[in-house]
């Protein structure tokens, strides 16, 4: 699965910022070493790639 979104400018900075850590933990518990999550910044976009 791949998702790409504009980077948060901090103007609407709500939440606890634990989403990616939570997803990493869930993938680890469900799939072990068979899953990976890759994040990158490309210009003004933040990209997440999940491979299972």
C-alpha atoms as a PDB file:
ATOM      1  CA  UNK A   1       0.000   0.000   0.000  1.00  0.00           C
ATOM      2  CA  UNK A   2       1.297   3.458  -0.807  1.00  0.00           C
ATOM      3  CA  UNK A   3       0.064   6.855   0.345  1.00  0.00           C
ATOM      4  CA  UNK A   4       1.372  10.335  -0.447  1.00  0.00           C
ATOM      5  CA  UNK A   5       0.139  13.542   1.183  1.00  0.00           C
ATOM      6  CA  UNK A   6       1.195  17.161   1.496  1.00  0.00           C
ATOM      7  CA  UNK A   7       3.465  17.696   4.477  1.00  0.00           C
ATOM      8  CA  UNK A   8       1.760  19.079   7.576  1.00  0.00           C
ATOM      9  CA  UNK A   9       2.713  22.726   8.004  1.00  0.00           C
ATOM     10  CA  UNK A  10       1.910  22.649  11.715  1.00  0.00           C
ATOM     11  CA  UNK A  11      -0.970  25.108  11.376  1.00  0.00           C
ATOM     12  CA  UNK A  12      -3.459  22.436  12.461  1.00  0.00           C
ATOM     13  CA  UNK A  13      -1.246  20.435  14.803  1.00  0.00           C
ATOM     14  CA  UNK A  14      -3.739  18.183  16.600  1.00  0.00           C
ATOM     15  CA  UNK A  15      -3.311  14.656  17.879  1.00  0.00           C
ATOM     16  CA  UNK A  16      -0.571  12.760  19.671  1.00  0.00           C
ATOM     17  CA  UNK A  17       1.716  12.042  16.651  1.00  0.00           C
ATOM     18  CA  UNK A  18       1.831   8.313  17.364  1.00  0.00           C
ATOM     19  CA  UNK A  19       0.159   7.034  14.194  1.00  0.00           C
ATOM     20  CA  UNK A  20       3.231   5.687  12.370  1.00  0.00           C
ATOM     21  CA  UNK A  21       4.663   4.113  15.519  1.00  0.00           C
ATOM     22  CA  UNK A  22       1.304   2.437  16.150  1.00  0.00           C
ATOM     23  CA  UNK A  23       1.155   1.060  12.601  1.00  0.00           C
ATOM     24  CA  UNK A  24       4.752  -0.233  12.875  1.00  0.00           C
ATOM     25  CA  UNK A  25       3.897  -2.086  16.087  1.00  0.00           C
ATOM     26  CA  UNK A  26       0.716  -3.576  14.617  1.00  0.00           C
ATOM     27  CA  UNK A  27       2.585  -4.776  11.518  1.00  0.00           C
ATOM     28  CA  UNK A  28       5.317  -6.307  13.680  1.00  0.00           C
ATOM     29  CA  UNK A  29       2.806  -8.189  15.835  1.00  0.00           C
ATOM     30  CA  UNK A  30       0.735  -9.376  12.863  1.00  0.00           C
ATOM     31  CA  UNK A  31       3.431 -10.188  10.279  1.00  0.00           C
ATOM     32  CA  UNK A  32       6.803 -10.194  12.061  1.00  0.00           C
ATOM     33  CA  UNK A  33       9.692  -9.679   9.674  1.00  0.00           C
ATOM     34  CA  UNK A  34       7.449 -10.224   6.635  1.00  0.00           C
ATOM     35  CA  UNK A  35       6.224  -6.617   6.706  1.00  0.00           C
ATOM     36  CA  UNK A  36       7.997  -3.309   6.290  1.00  0.00           C
ATOM     37  CA  UNK A  37       6.990   0.331   6.427  1.00  0.00           C
ATOM     38  CA  UNK A  38       9.036   2.890   4.525  1.00  0.00           C
ATOM     39  CA  UNK A  39       8.598   6.654   4.871  1.00  0.00           C
ATOM     40  CA  UNK A  40      10.179   9.438   2.866  1.00  0.00           C
ATOM     41  CA  UNK A  41       9.874  13.135   2.162  1.00  0.00           C
ATOM     42  CA  UNK A  42       9.811  14.104  -1.502  1.00  0.00           C
ATOM     43  CA  UNK A  43       9.575  17.865  -1.968  1.00  0.00           C
ATOM     44  CA  UNK A  44       6.352  18.997  -0.306  1.00  0.00           C
ATOM     45  CA  UNK A  45       4.999  15.454   0.060  1.00  0.00           C
ATOM     46  CA  UNK A  46       5.291  12.822   2.771  1.00  0.00           C
ATOM     47  CA  UNK A  47       5.125   9.284   1.397  1.00  0.00           C
ATOM     48  CA  UNK A  48       4.432   6.005   3.209  1.00  0.00           C
ATOM     49  CA  UNK A  49       4.919   2.578   1.610  1.00  0.00           C
ATOM     50  CA  UNK A  50       3.791  -0.612   3.380  1.00  0.00           C
ATOM     51  CA  UNK A  51       4.929  -3.971   2.032  1.00  0.00           C
ATOM     52  CA  UNK A  52       3.670  -7.302   3.354  1.00  0.00           C
END
